[in-house]
Structure formats: C-alpha cells, structure tokens
C-alpha cells in the first residue's frame, strides 16, 4: 500500500491530468456503446412492429389512427 501512495504522490499534475483524460475517455466510450445498444433495440422493435425505422412520420401516423 505504501508503494501505491508513493507512486500517487510522485505523479505530479501532468500525471493526474493524464489519468483524468484516460478516465473520461473510458466513460465516454462506455456511454457511447450503451446509447448504440439502446438505439439498436429501438430500431429492432420498430422493425418488429412493421414500422420503417428511418421514417419517423410513419410512427406518428400509426399513433393517430
């Protein structure tokens, strides 16, 4: 544990900036993948209902009828 503490103390501000950038990029990638999964599931649901997933107007027409 002391080795970890010494390493963290020795980093300095450039090291902390690097760690923060890597962390932010990792979180951004996870969020992007999750959004893509949700969008894919929504498109598959529309296709399953017989709605063209690229035609947003068609979805509204079915709701109005």
Protein backbone atom coordinates (compact mmCIF):
# COMPACT_ATOMS: atom_id res chain seq x y z
CA UNK A 1 0.00 0.00 0.00
CA UNK A 2 2.88 2.36 0.76
CA UNK A 3 4.21 1.80 -2.75
CA UNK A 4 0.89 2.92 -4.22
CA UNK A 5 0.83 6.03 -2.03
CA UNK A 6 4.40 6.93 -3.06
CA UNK A 7 3.51 6.42 -6.72
CA UNK A 8 0.44 8.65 -6.45
CA UNK A 9 2.38 11.36 -4.65
CA UNK A 10 5.15 11.23 -7.26
CA UNK A 11 2.81 11.70 -10.22
CA UNK A 12 2.53 15.46 -10.12
CA UNK A 13 -0.09 17.43 -12.01
CA UNK A 14 0.77 16.16 -15.54
CA UNK A 15 0.24 12.61 -14.36
CA UNK A 16 -3.10 13.46 -12.79
CA UNK A 17 -4.25 15.19 -15.96
CA UNK A 18 -3.30 12.09 -17.95
CA UNK A 19 -5.20 9.82 -15.57
CA UNK A 20 -8.28 12.07 -15.72
CA UNK A 21 -8.21 12.15 -19.54
CA UNK A 22 -7.96 8.36 -19.73
CA UNK A 23 -10.84 8.02 -17.24
CA UNK A 24 -13.05 10.47 -19.13
CA UNK A 25 -12.38 8.78 -22.47
CA UNK A 26 -13.20 5.39 -20.94
CA UNK A 27 -16.51 6.66 -19.51
CA UNK A 28 -17.34 8.36 -22.81
CA UNK A 29 -16.76 5.09 -24.66
CA UNK A 30 -18.99 3.15 -22.28
CA UNK A 31 -21.79 5.72 -22.65
CA UNK A 32 -21.46 5.66 -26.45
CA UNK A 33 -21.72 1.87 -26.60
CA UNK A 34 -24.75 1.87 -24.29
CA UNK A 35 -26.51 4.52 -26.42
CA UNK A 36 -25.81 2.47 -29.55
CA UNK A 37 -27.29 -0.64 -27.89
CA UNK A 38 -30.44 1.27 -26.91
CA UNK A 39 -30.82 2.76 -30.39
CA UNK A 40 -30.37 -0.68 -31.96
CA UNK A 41 -33.01 -2.20 -29.65
CA UNK A 42 -35.45 0.60 -30.55
CA UNK A 43 -34.85 0.07 -34.27
CA UNK A 44 -35.39 -3.69 -33.92
CA UNK A 45 -38.63 -3.05 -32.01
CA UNK A 46 -39.87 -0.76 -34.80
CA UNK A 47 -38.99 -3.35 -37.43
CA UNK A 48 -40.82 -5.99 -35.39
CA UNK A 49 -43.92 -3.78 -35.39
CA UNK A 50 -43.72 -3.26 -39.14
CA UNK A 51 -42.61 0.36 -38.91
CA UNK A 52 -39.82 1.70 -41.11
CA UNK A 53 -37.21 2.79 -38.52
CA UNK A 54 -35.96 5.54 -40.82
CA UNK A 55 -39.40 7.09 -41.28
CA UNK A 56 -40.35 8.99 -38.14
CA UNK A 57 -43.58 10.35 -39.70
CA UNK A 58 -44.92 6.81 -40.23
CA UNK A 59 -44.63 6.13 -36.49
CA UNK A 60 -46.78 9.18 -35.73
CA UNK A 61 -49.39 8.19 -38.33
CA UNK A 62 -49.91 4.81 -36.65
CA UNK A 63 -50.43 6.52 -33.29
CA UNK A 64 -53.08 8.87 -34.71
CA UNK A 65 -55.20 6.17 -36.39
